[in-house]
């Protein structure tokens, strides 16, 4: 009877192999500047996986930022509507590497107030097409 219990246990354990995660990431968002002089939105992306992945931009910006008023949800600024010099950009993020993506907004574009800021980054892994929109955060702009 003990032999029969041992065989299923061996089969169960052989199926539990650990596969490395490809393209795992952590991110950190922030902004610098003032509404009067201009703002620089930053998105720090760290690849914690075992394989490199690409950040791609078909519209010309590696980082897109949408700024909405907190109460009314009205869009105050959308970087996707800005003209870009290039139509497509790509940046490779290697394993254990950190890149900082930036989006600059001219002074006077956004009035002082409380806004929800949405950071959009489109990622493409080596063998698949995937996109992700990244966290919302509420900030008070000075």
Protein backbone atom coordinates (compact mmCIF):
# COMPACT_ATOMS: atom_id res chain seq x y z
CA UNK A 1 0.00 0.00 0.00
CA UNK A 2 2.84 2.40 0.74
CA UNK A 3 4.34 1.84 -2.73
CA UNK A 4 1.12 3.04 -4.39
CA UNK A 5 1.10 6.25 -2.38
CA UNK A 6 4.71 6.99 -3.26
CA UNK A 7 4.24 6.82 -7.06
CA UNK A 8 1.52 9.51 -7.27
CA UNK A 9 3.61 11.73 -4.98
CA UNK A 10 6.64 11.45 -7.32
CA UNK A 11 4.47 12.33 -10.34
CA UNK A 12 3.05 15.29 -8.47
CA UNK A 13 6.50 16.65 -7.55
CA UNK A 14 7.90 16.34 -11.07
CA UNK A 15 5.25 18.76 -12.35
CA UNK A 16 6.35 21.52 -9.96
CA UNK A 17 9.32 22.96 -11.82
CA UNK A 18 9.97 26.65 -11.36
CA UNK A 19 9.95 28.63 -14.59
CA UNK A 20 11.67 32.04 -14.69
CA UNK A 21 9.34 34.98 -15.12
CA UNK A 22 10.01 36.89 -18.31
CA UNK A 23 9.60 40.63 -18.26
CA UNK A 24 8.53 41.05 -14.63
CA UNK A 25 8.65 44.67 -13.66
CA UNK A 26 8.29 47.25 -10.95
CA UNK A 27 7.54 50.89 -11.55
CA UNK A 28 7.65 54.22 -9.77
CA UNK A 29 5.95 57.42 -10.90
CA UNK A 30 6.67 61.04 -10.02
CA UNK A 31 6.67 64.56 -11.39
CA UNK A 32 8.86 67.63 -10.97
CA UNK A 33 8.32 71.32 -11.57
CA UNK A 34 5.41 73.72 -11.24
CA UNK A 35 2.34 74.51 -13.33
CA UNK A 36 3.76 77.97 -14.01
CA UNK A 37 7.23 76.92 -15.19
CA UNK A 38 6.41 73.51 -16.63
CA UNK A 39 6.17 69.93 -15.43
CA UNK A 40 8.20 66.82 -16.13
CA UNK A 41 6.35 63.55 -15.51
CA UNK A 42 8.63 60.55 -14.89
CA UNK A 43 7.97 56.83 -15.04
CA UNK A 44 10.80 54.67 -13.68
CA UNK A 45 10.53 51.12 -15.03
CA UNK A 46 12.69 48.32 -13.59
CA UNK A 47 12.88 44.91 -15.26
CA UNK A 48 13.06 42.36 -12.45
CA UNK A 49 12.61 39.39 -14.79
CA UNK A 50 15.10 37.13 -16.53
CA UNK A 51 14.49 38.34 -20.10
CA UNK A 52 14.52 41.72 -21.81
CA UNK A 53 11.35 43.35 -23.12
CA UNK A 54 10.61 46.35 -25.32
CA UNK A 55 8.71 49.52 -24.56
CA UNK A 56 7.21 50.64 -27.85
CA UNK A 57 5.40 53.77 -28.96
CA UNK A 58 3.42 53.72 -32.16
CA UNK A 59 2.17 57.27 -31.62
CA UNK A 60 5.61 58.72 -30.97
CA UNK A 61 5.78 58.96 -27.15
CA UNK A 62 7.27 56.22 -24.98
CA UNK A 63 5.36 57.64 -22.01
CA UNK A 64 1.90 59.15 -22.36
CA UNK A 65 0.30 61.14 -19.57
CA UNK A 66 -3.37 61.98 -19.12
CA UNK A 67 -4.23 64.60 -16.48
CA UNK A 68 -7.87 64.80 -15.32
CA UNK A 69 -9.58 67.03 -12.77
CA UNK A 70 -10.29 64.93 -9.68
CA UNK A 71 -13.93 65.91 -9.19
CA UNK A 72 -15.27 66.37 -12.72
CA UNK A 73 -12.92 63.85 -14.45
CA UNK A 74 -12.47 66.41 -17.27
CA UNK A 75 -9.27 65.85 -19.26
CA UNK A 76 -6.97 68.84 -18.81
CA UNK A 77 -3.94 67.44 -20.65
CA UNK A 78 -3.47 64.41 -22.91
CA UNK A 79 0.03 63.86 -24.33
CA UNK A 80 -1.33 61.44 -26.95
CA UNK A 81 -2.75 64.46 -28.79
CA UNK A 82 0.63 66.22 -29.02
CA UNK A 83 2.67 66.03 -32.21
CA UNK A 84 5.84 63.97 -32.08
CA UNK A 85 8.96 64.14 -34.22
CA UNK A 86 8.99 60.39 -34.85
CA UNK A 87 6.06 58.11 -35.55
CA UNK A 88 7.46 55.06 -33.74
CA UNK A 89 9.97 54.62 -30.93
CA UNK A 90 11.26 51.56 -29.15
CA UNK A 91 13.41 51.11 -26.06
CA UNK A 92 14.75 47.75 -24.88
CA UNK A 93 14.72 47.12 -21.13
CA UNK A 94 17.28 44.43 -20.33
CA UNK A 95 17.09 42.08 -17.35
CA UNK A 96 17.88 43.86 -14.05
CA UNK A 97 17.91 47.25 -15.78
CA UNK A 98 16.02 50.45 -14.90
CA UNK A 99 14.94 53.05 -17.46
CA UNK A 100 13.31 56.41 -16.84
CA UNK A 101 10.66 57.56 -19.31
CA UNK A 102 9.78 61.27 -19.29
CA UNK A 103 6.99 63.48 -20.61
CA UNK A 104 7.38 67.28 -20.48
CA UNK A 105 4.46 69.72 -20.24
CA UNK A 106 4.97 73.41 -20.96
CA UNK A 107 4.23 75.95 -18.24
CA UNK A 108 0.70 77.36 -18.22
CA UNK A 109 -0.84 74.26 -19.82
CA UNK A 110 -2.18 72.93 -16.51
CA UNK A 111 -3.68 75.23 -13.88
CA UNK A 112 -2.94 74.67 -10.16
CA UNK A 113 -5.36 72.18 -8.58
CA UNK A 114 -5.92 68.54 -7.65
CA UNK A 115 -5.71 66.07 -10.52
CA UNK A 116 -5.69 62.36 -11.27
CA UNK A 117 -2.62 61.47 -13.32
CA UNK A 118 -2.64 58.41 -15.54
CA UNK A 119 0.68 57.09 -16.87
CA UNK A 120 0.40 54.98 -20.05
CA UNK A 121 3.25 52.76 -21.21
CA UNK A 122 2.92 50.24 -24.01
CA UNK A 123 5.08 47.16 -23.62
CA UNK A 124 5.90 44.46 -26.11
CA UNK A 125 7.62 41.30 -24.96
CA UNK A 126 9.97 39.43 -27.24
CA UNK A 127 7.37 37.03 -28.69
CA UNK A 128 4.02 38.60 -27.83
CA UNK A 129 2.02 41.78 -28.25
CA UNK A 130 0.77 43.20 -24.99
CA UNK A 131 -0.05 46.63 -23.71
CA UNK A 132 -0.71 47.84 -20.22
CA UNK A 133 -2.02 51.03 -18.86
CA UNK A 134 -0.37 51.84 -15.62
CA UNK A 135 -1.63 53.01 -12.23
CA UNK A 136 -3.65 56.15 -11.54
CA UNK A 137 -2.44 58.43 -8.83
CA UNK A 138 -3.90 61.58 -7.32
CA UNK A 139 -1.51 64.48 -6.90
CA UNK A 140 -1.79 68.11 -5.96
CA UNK A 141 0.05 70.26 -8.49
CA UNK A 142 1.59 73.50 -7.30
